[in-house]
Amino acid sequence: MVATPVTNLTFEEYLTYDDGSGFSYELVDGRLELMNPPTIEHFLIAKFLEQLLDTEIKRLSLSWLTFRETGVRTGRNKSRLTDLSVVTQEQARELLNVSAVFESPPLLIVEVVSPDSVKRDYRYKRSEYAAVEVLEYWIVDPLEKKISVLLLEEGFYEETVFTGDQKVVSRTFGEITISVEQVLAAGSLV
């Protein structure tokens, strides 16, 4: 991850920032941080989970939506890009014609770990998402072959780690039955 020379941006300036490069940035304490393009494995896992959650939302007739690569405001001059967010239709409606950066917490956030995002996904996003009260946060880690499900309890995340053929247990999607192996296999082209 490379920091760009732009500093001291406000959150409002970040919402309209465009340097013409087509690159994605997170806002961290007023600094733009360049996000490296994800791997194909990363994209495939995120797509698989998006389709799985969309199917469950439709099956349960919920007024929720699943989005990839939206932002979440995590502080005064902080905004993170998520790999996958589940939000209410009302939250999406509020952003219909503006930058897709949610200022209210998504129902669920999923991050897929890449070699350059380990510290960001496990440490920084974990504390920032807890601080803005994201009730459920998944860390899908193909490097360590595990999925950590973090549930917010009294302001802190309680973590359960799933591996192998264990079924992922979700508070938000209590009826899904998907194993860690199935999720990680989605990142393969075999």
N, C-alpha and C. Protein backbone atom coordinates (compact mmCIF):
# COMPACT_ATOMS: atom_id res chain seq x y z
N MET A 1 0.85 -1.16 0.00
CA MET A 1 0.00 0.00 0.00
C MET A 1 0.90 1.23 0.00
N VAL A 2 0.60 2.16 -0.90
CA VAL A 2 1.39 3.38 -1.03
C VAL A 2 0.53 4.56 -0.65
N ALA A 3 1.04 5.44 0.20
CA ALA A 3 0.30 6.65 0.57
C ALA A 3 0.50 7.68 -0.53
N THR A 4 -0.55 8.36 -0.92
CA THR A 4 -0.47 9.42 -1.92
C THR A 4 -0.06 10.71 -1.23
N PRO A 5 0.42 11.68 -1.99
CA PRO A 5 0.86 12.93 -1.36
C PRO A 5 -0.29 13.80 -0.83
N VAL A 6 -1.53 13.49 -1.18
CA VAL A 6 -2.66 14.32 -0.73
C VAL A 6 -2.90 14.07 0.76
N THR A 7 -2.89 15.16 1.53
CA THR A 7 -3.12 15.04 2.98
C THR A 7 -4.13 16.08 3.42
N ASN A 8 -4.62 15.87 4.62
CA ASN A 8 -5.56 16.80 5.26
C ASN A 8 -6.86 16.99 4.50
N LEU A 9 -7.36 15.92 3.90
CA LEU A 9 -8.69 15.96 3.29
C LEU A 9 -9.73 15.79 4.37
N THR A 10 -10.82 16.50 4.26
CA THR A 10 -11.96 16.25 5.14
C THR A 10 -12.75 15.10 4.56
N PHE A 11 -13.63 14.54 5.36
CA PHE A 11 -14.49 13.48 4.87
C PHE A 11 -15.31 13.98 3.68
N GLU A 12 -15.83 15.19 3.75
CA GLU A 12 -16.65 15.75 2.68
C GLU A 12 -15.83 15.92 1.40
N GLU A 13 -14.57 16.33 1.51
CA GLU A 13 -13.71 16.44 0.33
C GLU A 13 -13.42 15.06 -0.27
N TYR A 14 -13.25 14.08 0.59
CA TYR A 14 -13.00 12.70 0.14
C TYR A 14 -14.16 12.19 -0.72
N LEU A 15 -15.38 12.52 -0.33
CA LEU A 15 -16.56 12.04 -1.06
C LEU A 15 -16.56 12.46 -2.52
N THR A 16 -15.91 13.58 -2.83
CA THR A 16 -15.90 14.09 -4.21
C THR A 16 -14.51 14.03 -4.84
N TYR A 17 -13.54 13.46 -4.16
CA TYR A 17 -12.16 13.43 -4.66
C TYR A 17 -12.05 12.51 -5.88
N ASP A 18 -11.39 13.01 -6.91
CA ASP A 18 -11.11 12.21 -8.11
C ASP A 18 -9.84 12.74 -8.73
N ASP A 19 -8.79 11.93 -8.70
CA ASP A 19 -7.53 12.37 -9.29
C ASP A 19 -7.41 11.93 -10.75
N GLY A 20 -8.47 11.29 -11.27
CA GLY A 20 -8.47 10.86 -12.66
C GLY A 20 -7.71 9.57 -12.92
N SER A 21 -7.14 8.97 -11.88
CA SER A 21 -6.34 7.76 -12.07
C SER A 21 -7.19 6.49 -12.16
N GLY A 22 -8.40 6.54 -11.62
CA GLY A 22 -9.23 5.35 -11.56
C GLY A 22 -8.92 4.45 -10.37
N PHE A 23 -7.93 4.84 -9.56
CA PHE A 23 -7.58 4.05 -8.39
C PHE A 23 -8.55 4.30 -7.25
N SER A 24 -8.62 3.34 -6.34
CA SER A 24 -9.47 3.46 -5.16
C SER A 24 -8.60 3.83 -3.96
N TYR A 25 -9.17 4.67 -3.11
CA TYR A 25 -8.47 5.12 -1.92
C TYR A 25 -9.35 4.96 -0.69
N GLU A 26 -8.70 4.73 0.45
CA GLU A 26 -9.36 4.86 1.73
C GLU A 26 -8.88 6.18 2.33
N LEU A 27 -9.69 6.75 3.21
CA LEU A 27 -9.32 7.98 3.90
C LEU A 27 -8.96 7.60 5.34
N VAL A 28 -7.73 7.87 5.73
CA VAL A 28 -7.26 7.51 7.06
C VAL A 28 -6.66 8.76 7.70
N ASP A 29 -7.39 9.30 8.66
CA ASP A 29 -6.95 10.51 9.37
C ASP A 29 -6.59 11.64 8.40
N GLY A 30 -7.44 11.82 7.38
CA GLY A 30 -7.25 12.90 6.42
C GLY A 30 -6.30 12.60 5.29
N ARG A 31 -5.64 11.43 5.32
CA ARG A 31 -4.71 11.02 4.26
C ARG A 31 -5.38 10.01 3.33
N LEU A 32 -5.10 10.13 2.05
CA LEU A 32 -5.56 9.13 1.10
C LEU A 32 -4.57 7.96 1.11
N GLU A 33 -5.09 6.73 1.24
CA GLU A 33 -4.25 5.55 1.14
C GLU A 33 -4.71 4.74 -0.06
N LEU A 34 -3.80 4.54 -1.00
CA LEU A 34 -4.08 3.81 -2.22
C LEU A 34 -4.34 2.33 -1.91
N MET A 35 -5.40 1.80 -2.47
CA MET A 35 -5.71 0.38 -2.31
C MET A 35 -5.22 -0.36 -3.54
N ASN A 36 -4.37 -1.36 -3.32
CA ASN A 36 -3.89 -2.15 -4.44
C ASN A 36 -5.04 -2.96 -5.03
N PRO A 37 -5.03 -3.20 -6.34
CA PRO A 37 -6.08 -4.02 -6.93
C PRO A 37 -6.06 -5.43 -6.31
N PRO A 38 -7.24 -5.98 -5.99
CA PRO A 38 -7.30 -7.33 -5.40
C PRO A 38 -6.86 -8.40 -6.39
N THR A 39 -6.57 -9.58 -5.85
CA THR A 39 -6.24 -10.74 -6.69
C THR A 39 -7.53 -11.33 -7.27
N ILE A 40 -7.38 -12.18 -8.27
CA ILE A 40 -8.54 -12.88 -8.83
C ILE A 40 -9.18 -13.76 -7.76
N GLU A 41 -8.36 -14.43 -6.94
CA GLU A 41 -8.89 -15.25 -5.84
C GLU A 41 -9.80 -14.41 -4.94
N HIS A 42 -9.33 -13.23 -4.62
CA HIS A 42 -10.08 -12.29 -3.78
C HIS A 42 -11.43 -11.94 -4.42
N PHE A 43 -11.40 -11.57 -5.71
CA PHE A 43 -12.63 -11.23 -6.43
C PHE A 43 -13.61 -12.40 -6.47
N LEU A 44 -13.09 -13.60 -6.72
CA LEU A 44 -13.96 -14.78 -6.83
C LEU A 44 -14.64 -15.11 -5.50
N ILE A 45 -13.90 -15.00 -4.41
CA ILE A 45 -14.48 -15.26 -3.08
C ILE A 45 -15.55 -14.22 -2.77
N ALA A 46 -15.25 -12.95 -3.01
CA ALA A 46 -16.22 -11.88 -2.74
C ALA A 46 -17.48 -12.07 -3.59
N LYS A 47 -17.31 -12.43 -4.85
CA LYS A 47 -18.46 -12.66 -5.75
C LYS A 47 -19.30 -13.83 -5.25
N PHE A 48 -18.64 -14.91 -4.85
CA PHE A 48 -19.35 -16.08 -4.34
C PHE A 48 -20.19 -15.73 -3.11
N LEU A 49 -19.57 -14.99 -2.18
CA LEU A 49 -20.30 -14.61 -0.96
C LEU A 49 -21.43 -13.63 -1.27
N GLU A 50 -21.20 -12.72 -2.20
CA GLU A 50 -22.26 -11.79 -2.59
C GLU A 50 -23.46 -12.57 -3.15
N GLN A 51 -23.20 -13.53 -4.02
CA GLN A 51 -24.29 -14.33 -4.59
C GLN A 51 -24.99 -15.16 -3.51
N LEU A 52 -24.23 -15.74 -2.60
CA LEU A 52 -24.80 -16.53 -1.50
C LEU A 52 -25.72 -15.66 -0.64
N LEU A 53 -25.24 -14.49 -0.24
CA LEU A 53 -26.03 -13.62 0.63
C LEU A 53 -27.23 -13.03 -0.12
N ASP A 54 -27.06 -12.69 -1.39
CA ASP A 54 -28.19 -12.20 -2.19
C ASP A 54 -29.30 -13.26 -2.28
N THR A 55 -28.89 -14.51 -2.47
CA THR A 55 -29.87 -15.61 -2.55
C THR A 55 -30.62 -15.74 -1.22
N GLU A 56 -29.91 -15.63 -0.12
CA GLU A 56 -30.54 -15.75 1.20
C GLU A 56 -31.47 -14.56 1.47
N ILE A 57 -31.06 -13.37 1.08
CA ILE A 57 -31.89 -12.18 1.25
C ILE A 57 -33.19 -12.34 0.46
N LYS A 58 -33.07 -12.82 -0.76
CA LYS A 58 -34.26 -13.04 -1.60
C LYS A 58 -35.15 -14.13 -1.01
N ARG A 59 -34.55 -15.23 -0.57
CA ARG A 59 -35.31 -16.36 0.00
C ARG A 59 -36.12 -15.91 1.20
N LEU A 60 -35.54 -15.03 2.02
CA LEU A 60 -36.19 -14.57 3.24
C LEU A 60 -37.04 -13.31 3.03
N SER A 61 -37.07 -12.81 1.78
CA SER A 61 -37.83 -11.59 1.43
C SER A 61 -37.46 -10.41 2.33
N LEU A 62 -36.16 -10.23 2.52
CA LEU A 62 -35.66 -9.13 3.34
C LEU A 62 -35.46 -7.89 2.47
N SER A 63 -35.62 -6.72 3.05
CA SER A 63 -35.39 -5.48 2.30
C SER A 63 -33.96 -5.01 2.51
N TRP A 64 -33.03 -5.91 2.21
CA TRP A 64 -31.61 -5.67 2.34
C TRP A 64 -30.96 -5.77 0.97
N LEU A 65 -29.77 -5.17 0.85
CA LEU A 65 -29.00 -5.22 -0.39
C LEU A 65 -27.54 -5.56 -0.05
N THR A 66 -26.88 -6.21 -0.99
CA THR A 66 -25.47 -6.56 -0.84
C THR A 66 -24.67 -5.77 -1.87
N PHE A 67 -23.61 -5.12 -1.42
CA PHE A 67 -22.76 -4.33 -2.31
C PHE A 67 -21.30 -4.70 -2.12
N ARG A 68 -20.55 -4.67 -3.21
CA ARG A 68 -19.11 -4.82 -3.14
C ARG A 68 -18.47 -3.45 -3.29
N GLU A 69 -17.37 -3.26 -2.56
CA GLU A 69 -16.51 -2.08 -2.69
C GLU A 69 -17.22 -0.75 -2.43
N THR A 70 -18.07 -0.73 -1.42
CA THR A 70 -18.63 0.55 -0.97
C THR A 70 -17.80 1.04 0.21
N GLY A 71 -18.01 2.29 0.56
CA GLY A 71 -17.28 2.85 1.68
C GLY A 71 -18.12 2.85 2.94
N VAL A 72 -17.42 2.93 4.07
CA VAL A 72 -18.06 3.08 5.38
C VAL A 72 -17.27 4.14 6.14
N ARG A 73 -17.97 5.15 6.58
CA ARG A 73 -17.31 6.19 7.38
C ARG A 73 -17.02 5.59 8.75
N THR A 74 -15.74 5.66 9.15
CA THR A 74 -15.34 5.06 10.42
C THR A 74 -14.77 6.08 11.40
N GLY A 75 -14.83 7.35 11.05
CA GLY A 75 -14.33 8.39 11.93
C GLY A 75 -14.53 9.75 11.30
N ARG A 76 -14.07 10.78 12.02
CA ARG A 76 -14.26 12.15 11.54
C ARG A 76 -13.71 12.33 10.13
N ASN A 77 -12.47 11.93 9.90
CA ASN A 77 -11.85 11.99 8.58
C ASN A 77 -11.31 10.62 8.20
N LYS A 78 -12.19 9.61 8.35
CA LYS A 78 -11.82 8.24 8.02
C LYS A 78 -12.96 7.58 7.25
N SER A 79 -12.56 6.82 6.23
CA SER A 79 -13.52 6.02 5.47
C SER A 79 -12.79 4.80 4.93
N ARG A 80 -13.38 3.65 5.13
CA ARG A 80 -12.80 2.39 4.66
C ARG A 80 -13.63 1.85 3.50
N LEU A 81 -12.97 1.15 2.58
CA LEU A 81 -13.66 0.45 1.51
C LEU A 81 -13.85 -0.99 1.94
N THR A 82 -15.06 -1.50 1.78
CA THR A 82 -15.35 -2.88 2.17
C THR A 82 -15.31 -3.78 0.95
N ASP A 83 -15.00 -5.05 1.19
CA ASP A 83 -15.11 -6.01 0.09
C ASP A 83 -16.57 -6.35 -0.15
N LEU A 84 -17.36 -6.40 0.92
CA LEU A 84 -18.77 -6.73 0.82
C LEU A 84 -19.50 -6.13 2.01
N SER A 85 -20.62 -5.48 1.74
CA SER A 85 -21.46 -4.91 2.79
C SER A 85 -22.90 -5.31 2.56
N VAL A 86 -23.60 -5.59 3.64
CA VAL A 86 -25.04 -5.81 3.59
C VAL A 86 -25.68 -4.64 4.32
N VAL A 87 -26.59 -3.96 3.63
CA VAL A 87 -27.25 -2.78 4.19
C VAL A 87 -28.75 -2.88 3.94
N THR A 88 -29.49 -2.03 4.62
CA THR A 88 -30.93 -1.97 4.37
C THR A 88 -31.19 -1.16 3.10
N GLN A 89 -32.35 -1.37 2.51
CA GLN A 89 -32.70 -0.57 1.34
C GLN A 89 -32.78 0.91 1.70
N GLU A 90 -33.21 1.21 2.91
CA GLU A 90 -33.28 2.61 3.35
C GLU A 90 -31.88 3.25 3.38
N GLN A 91 -30.89 2.51 3.87
CA GLN A 91 -29.52 3.03 3.86
C GLN A 91 -29.06 3.31 2.43
N ALA A 92 -29.36 2.41 1.52
CA ALA A 92 -28.97 2.58 0.12
C ALA A 92 -29.72 3.75 -0.51
N ARG A 93 -30.97 3.89 -0.18
CA ARG A 93 -31.80 4.97 -0.74
C ARG A 93 -31.20 6.34 -0.40
N GLU A 94 -30.66 6.48 0.81
CA GLU A 94 -30.06 7.74 1.23
C GLU A 94 -28.86 8.13 0.38
N LEU A 95 -28.23 7.15 -0.26
CA LEU A 95 -27.02 7.40 -1.06
C LEU A 95 -27.25 7.23 -2.56
N LEU A 96 -28.50 7.20 -2.97
CA LEU A 96 -28.83 6.86 -4.35
C LEU A 96 -28.07 7.69 -5.37
N ASN A 97 -27.91 8.98 -5.15
CA ASN A 97 -27.26 9.84 -6.14
C ASN A 97 -26.00 10.52 -5.62
N VAL A 98 -25.38 9.93 -4.61
CA VAL A 98 -24.14 10.47 -4.06
C VAL A 98 -23.14 9.33 -3.89
N SER A 99 -21.92 9.65 -3.50
CA SER A 99 -20.90 8.63 -3.29
C SER A 99 -21.40 7.56 -2.33
N ALA A 100 -21.13 6.31 -2.66
CA ALA A 100 -21.60 5.18 -1.87
C ALA A 100 -20.69 4.95 -0.67
N VAL A 101 -20.77 5.88 0.28
CA VAL A 101 -20.04 5.76 1.53
C VAL A 101 -21.08 5.87 2.64
N PHE A 102 -21.32 4.74 3.30
CA PHE A 102 -22.34 4.69 4.33
C PHE A 102 -21.85 5.37 5.61
N GLU A 103 -22.71 6.21 6.16
CA GLU A 103 -22.37 6.86 7.43
C GLU A 103 -23.07 6.18 8.59
N SER A 104 -24.01 5.30 8.30
CA SER A 104 -24.61 4.45 9.33
C SER A 104 -24.04 3.04 9.12
N PRO A 105 -23.91 2.26 10.18
CA PRO A 105 -23.22 0.97 10.05
C PRO A 105 -24.00 -0.05 9.22
N PRO A 106 -23.32 -0.72 8.28
CA PRO A 106 -23.95 -1.83 7.58
C PRO A 106 -24.34 -2.93 8.58
N LEU A 107 -25.26 -3.78 8.17
CA LEU A 107 -25.68 -4.91 8.99
C LEU A 107 -24.55 -5.94 9.12
N LEU A 108 -23.78 -6.07 8.04
CA LEU A 108 -22.69 -7.05 7.98
C LEU A 108 -21.63 -6.52 7.03
N ILE A 109 -20.37 -6.68 7.39
CA ILE A 109 -19.25 -6.37 6.50
C ILE A 109 -18.40 -7.62 6.38
N VAL A 110 -17.95 -7.91 5.15
CA VAL A 110 -17.04 -9.01 4.88
C VAL A 110 -15.78 -8.43 4.25
N GLU A 111 -14.62 -8.81 4.78
CA GLU A 111 -13.34 -8.46 4.17
C GLU A 111 -12.62 -9.76 3.82
N VAL A 112 -12.06 -9.80 2.62
CA VAL A 112 -11.26 -10.93 2.17
C VAL A 112 -9.80 -10.51 2.28
N VAL A 113 -9.02 -11.25 3.04
CA VAL A 113 -7.64 -10.89 3.31
C VAL A 113 -6.77 -11.15 2.09
N SER A 114 -5.93 -10.17 1.76
CA SER A 114 -4.90 -10.29 0.74
C SER A 114 -3.56 -10.09 1.44
N PRO A 115 -2.45 -10.48 0.79
CA PRO A 115 -1.15 -10.31 1.45
C PRO A 115 -0.89 -8.90 1.97
N ASP A 116 -1.37 -7.87 1.26
CA ASP A 116 -1.10 -6.50 1.69
C ASP A 116 -2.16 -5.94 2.64
N SER A 117 -3.18 -6.74 2.98
CA SER A 117 -4.26 -6.21 3.83
C SER A 117 -4.38 -6.89 5.19
N VAL A 118 -3.43 -7.73 5.54
CA VAL A 118 -3.54 -8.51 6.79
C VAL A 118 -3.72 -7.59 7.99
N LYS A 119 -2.81 -6.65 8.19
CA LYS A 119 -2.88 -5.77 9.36
C LYS A 119 -4.13 -4.89 9.29
N ARG A 120 -4.43 -4.40 8.10
CA ARG A 120 -5.59 -3.52 7.92
C ARG A 120 -6.89 -4.26 8.27
N ASP A 121 -7.05 -5.49 7.77
CA ASP A 121 -8.29 -6.23 8.00
C ASP A 121 -8.44 -6.73 9.43
N TYR A 122 -7.34 -7.23 10.00
CA TYR A 122 -7.40 -7.80 11.34
C TYR A 122 -7.33 -6.76 12.45
N ARG A 123 -6.62 -5.68 12.23
CA ARG A 123 -6.40 -4.74 13.32
C ARG A 123 -7.21 -3.45 13.15
N TYR A 124 -6.89 -2.69 12.09
CA TYR A 124 -7.49 -1.36 11.95
C TYR A 124 -8.99 -1.42 11.68
N LYS A 125 -9.37 -2.21 10.69
CA LYS A 125 -10.80 -2.28 10.37
C LYS A 125 -11.58 -2.89 11.53
N ARG A 126 -11.00 -3.86 12.19
CA ARG A 126 -11.68 -4.48 13.33
C ARG A 126 -12.04 -3.43 14.38
N SER A 127 -11.08 -2.60 14.78
CA SER A 127 -11.37 -1.60 15.81
C SER A 127 -12.27 -0.49 15.28
N GLU A 128 -12.08 -0.08 14.03
CA GLU A 128 -12.91 0.98 13.47
C GLU A 128 -14.36 0.52 13.27
N TYR A 129 -14.55 -0.69 12.79
CA TYR A 129 -15.92 -1.19 12.60
C TYR A 129 -16.64 -1.37 13.94
N ALA A 130 -15.91 -1.81 14.95
CA ALA A 130 -16.51 -1.92 16.29
C ALA A 130 -16.91 -0.54 16.81
N ALA A 131 -16.05 0.45 16.58
CA ALA A 131 -16.32 1.80 17.09
C ALA A 131 -17.58 2.42 16.47
N VAL A 132 -17.87 2.07 15.20
CA VAL A 132 -19.08 2.61 14.55
C VAL A 132 -20.25 1.63 14.64
N GLU A 133 -20.06 0.57 15.43
CA GLU A 133 -21.11 -0.39 15.77
C GLU A 133 -21.63 -1.23 14.60
N VAL A 134 -20.70 -1.72 13.80
CA VAL A 134 -21.04 -2.75 12.80
C VAL A 134 -21.25 -4.03 13.60
N LEU A 135 -22.47 -4.56 13.57
CA LEU A 135 -22.84 -5.66 14.45
C LEU A 135 -22.14 -6.99 14.12
N GLU A 136 -21.81 -7.20 12.83
CA GLU A 136 -21.17 -8.45 12.44
C GLU A 136 -20.14 -8.17 11.36
N TYR A 137 -18.94 -8.73 11.54
CA TYR A 137 -17.81 -8.51 10.64
C TYR A 137 -17.13 -9.86 10.39
N TRP A 138 -17.05 -10.25 9.12
CA TRP A 138 -16.36 -11.49 8.75
C TRP A 138 -15.00 -11.15 8.16
N ILE A 139 -13.99 -11.89 8.58
CA ILE A 139 -12.67 -11.81 7.97
C ILE A 139 -12.41 -13.16 7.31
N VAL A 140 -12.48 -13.16 5.98
CA VAL A 140 -12.25 -14.38 5.20
C VAL A 140 -10.77 -14.38 4.83
N ASP A 141 -10.05 -15.37 5.33
CA ASP A 141 -8.60 -15.38 5.18
C ASP A 141 -8.13 -16.61 4.40
N PRO A 142 -7.97 -16.46 3.06
CA PRO A 142 -7.47 -17.59 2.28
C PRO A 142 -6.00 -17.91 2.57
N LEU A 143 -5.26 -16.96 3.12
CA LEU A 143 -3.85 -17.19 3.44
C LEU A 143 -3.73 -18.17 4.61
N GLU A 144 -4.57 -18.01 5.62
CA GLU A 144 -4.56 -18.86 6.82
C GLU A 144 -5.64 -19.94 6.77
N LYS A 145 -6.43 -19.93 5.68
CA LYS A 145 -7.51 -20.92 5.47
C LYS A 145 -8.51 -20.95 6.62
N LYS A 146 -9.04 -19.74 6.94
CA LYS A 146 -10.01 -19.65 8.02
C LYS A 146 -10.95 -18.47 7.77
N ILE A 147 -12.06 -18.49 8.48
CA ILE A 147 -13.00 -17.37 8.48
C ILE A 147 -13.26 -17.02 9.93
N SER A 148 -13.03 -15.75 10.26
CA SER A 148 -13.31 -15.25 11.60
C SER A 148 -14.61 -14.47 11.54
N VAL A 149 -15.56 -14.82 12.40
CA VAL A 149 -16.81 -14.09 12.49
C VAL A 149 -16.77 -13.33 13.81
N LEU A 150 -16.90 -12.00 13.70
CA LEU A 150 -16.84 -11.13 14.86
C LEU A 150 -18.22 -10.54 15.11
N LEU A 151 -18.73 -10.75 16.30
CA LEU A 151 -20.05 -10.25 16.68
C LEU A 151 -19.87 -9.19 17.76
N LEU A 152 -20.51 -8.05 17.57
CA LEU A 152 -20.37 -6.94 18.51
C LEU A 152 -21.16 -7.23 19.78
N GLU A 153 -20.45 -7.18 20.90
CA GLU A 153 -21.04 -7.38 22.23
C GLU A 153 -20.51 -6.29 23.15
N GLU A 154 -21.39 -5.40 23.59
CA GLU A 154 -21.02 -4.32 24.51
C GLU A 154 -19.82 -3.51 24.02
N GLY A 155 -19.82 -3.21 22.73
CA GLY A 155 -18.79 -2.34 22.16
C GLY A 155 -17.52 -3.03 21.69
N PHE A 156 -17.41 -4.34 21.92
CA PHE A 156 -16.22 -5.08 21.51
C PHE A 156 -16.64 -6.31 20.72
N TYR A 157 -15.75 -6.78 19.84
CA TYR A 157 -16.05 -7.97 19.06
C TYR A 157 -15.68 -9.24 19.81
N GLU A 158 -16.63 -10.17 19.81
CA GLU A 158 -16.38 -11.54 20.25
C GLU A 158 -16.11 -12.32 18.98
N GLU A 159 -14.97 -13.01 18.92
CA GLU A 159 -14.52 -13.66 17.70
C GLU A 159 -14.67 -15.17 17.78
N THR A 160 -15.21 -15.75 16.70
CA THR A 160 -15.24 -17.20 16.54
C THR A 160 -14.53 -17.51 15.23
N VAL A 161 -13.57 -18.44 15.28
CA VAL A 161 -12.80 -18.79 14.09
C VAL A 161 -13.28 -20.16 13.59
N PHE A 162 -13.54 -20.20 12.28
CA PHE A 162 -13.99 -21.43 11.63
C PHE A 162 -12.93 -21.87 10.62
N THR A 163 -12.72 -23.18 10.53
CA THR A 163 -11.74 -23.74 9.59
C THR A 163 -12.30 -25.00 8.94
N GLY A 164 -11.64 -25.43 7.88
CA GLY A 164 -11.95 -26.71 7.24
C GLY A 164 -13.40 -26.87 6.84
N ASP A 165 -13.99 -27.98 7.28
CA ASP A 165 -15.38 -28.26 6.90
C ASP A 165 -16.39 -27.70 7.90
N GLN A 166 -15.93 -26.88 8.85
CA GLN A 166 -16.85 -26.26 9.81
C GLN A 166 -17.78 -25.30 9.07
N LYS A 167 -19.03 -25.29 9.51
CA LYS A 167 -20.01 -24.37 8.95
C LYS A 167 -19.86 -23.01 9.62
N VAL A 168 -19.90 -21.96 8.81
CA VAL A 168 -19.82 -20.60 9.31
C VAL A 168 -21.14 -20.27 10.01
N VAL A 169 -21.07 -19.75 11.22
CA VAL A 169 -22.27 -19.39 11.98
C VAL A 169 -22.37 -17.86 11.98
N SER A 170 -23.52 -17.37 11.49
CA SER A 170 -23.76 -15.94 11.37
C SER A 170 -25.00 -15.55 12.16
N ARG A 171 -24.91 -14.45 12.87
CA ARG A 171 -26.08 -13.92 13.57
C ARG A 171 -27.04 -13.27 12.56
N THR A 172 -26.48 -12.57 11.58
CA THR A 172 -27.28 -11.85 10.59
C THR A 172 -27.98 -12.81 9.65
N PHE A 173 -27.29 -13.86 9.24
CA PHE A 173 -27.84 -14.87 8.33
C PHE A 173 -27.82 -16.22 9.04
N GLY A 174 -28.74 -16.38 9.99
CA GLY A 174 -28.75 -17.54 10.87
C GLY A 174 -29.04 -18.87 10.22
N GLU A 175 -29.53 -18.87 8.98
CA GLU A 175 -29.90 -20.12 8.35
C GLU A 175 -28.95 -20.57 7.25
N ILE A 176 -27.90 -19.80 6.98
CA ILE A 176 -26.97 -20.24 5.93
C ILE A 176 -26.18 -21.44 6.42
N THR A 177 -25.85 -22.32 5.49
CA THR A 177 -25.04 -23.49 5.81
C THR A 177 -23.94 -23.58 4.76
N ILE A 178 -22.85 -22.94 5.06
CA ILE A 178 -21.71 -22.92 4.14
C ILE A 178 -20.45 -23.19 4.95
N SER A 179 -19.59 -24.05 4.42
CA SER A 179 -18.35 -24.35 5.14
C SER A 179 -17.23 -23.42 4.68
N VAL A 180 -16.21 -23.35 5.50
CA VAL A 180 -15.03 -22.57 5.16
C VAL A 180 -14.43 -23.11 3.86
N GLU A 181 -14.34 -24.43 3.74
CA GLU A 181 -13.78 -25.04 2.53
C GLU A 181 -14.54 -24.60 1.28
N GLN A 182 -15.86 -24.54 1.35
CA GLN A 182 -16.67 -24.12 0.21
C GLN A 182 -16.38 -22.67 -0.17
N VAL A 183 -16.27 -21.81 0.83
CA VAL A 183 -15.99 -20.39 0.57
C VAL A 183 -14.62 -20.25 -0.08
N LEU A 184 -13.61 -20.88 0.51
CA LEU A 184 -12.25 -20.75 -0.02
C LEU A 184 -12.09 -21.40 -1.39
N ALA A 185 -12.82 -22.48 -1.64
CA ALA A 185 -12.76 -23.14 -2.95
C ALA A 185 -13.30 -22.23 -4.05
N ALA A 186 -14.17 -21.31 -3.70
CA ALA A 186 -14.71 -20.38 -4.69
C ALA A 186 -13.61 -19.49 -5.28
N GLY A 187 -12.49 -19.37 -4.59
CA GLY A 187 -11.38 -18.56 -5.08
C GLY A 187 -10.47 -19.27 -6.05
N SER A 188 -10.82 -20.48 -6.40
CA SER A 188 -10.00 -21.28 -7.31
C SER A 188 -10.68 -21.36 -8.67
N LEU A 189 -9.88 -21.51 -9.71
CA LEU A 189 -10.45 -21.67 -11.06
C LEU A 189 -10.42 -23.13 -11.51
N VAL A 190 -10.15 -24.04 -10.60
CA VAL A 190 -10.08 -25.47 -10.94
C VAL A 190 -11.46 -26.07 -11.01
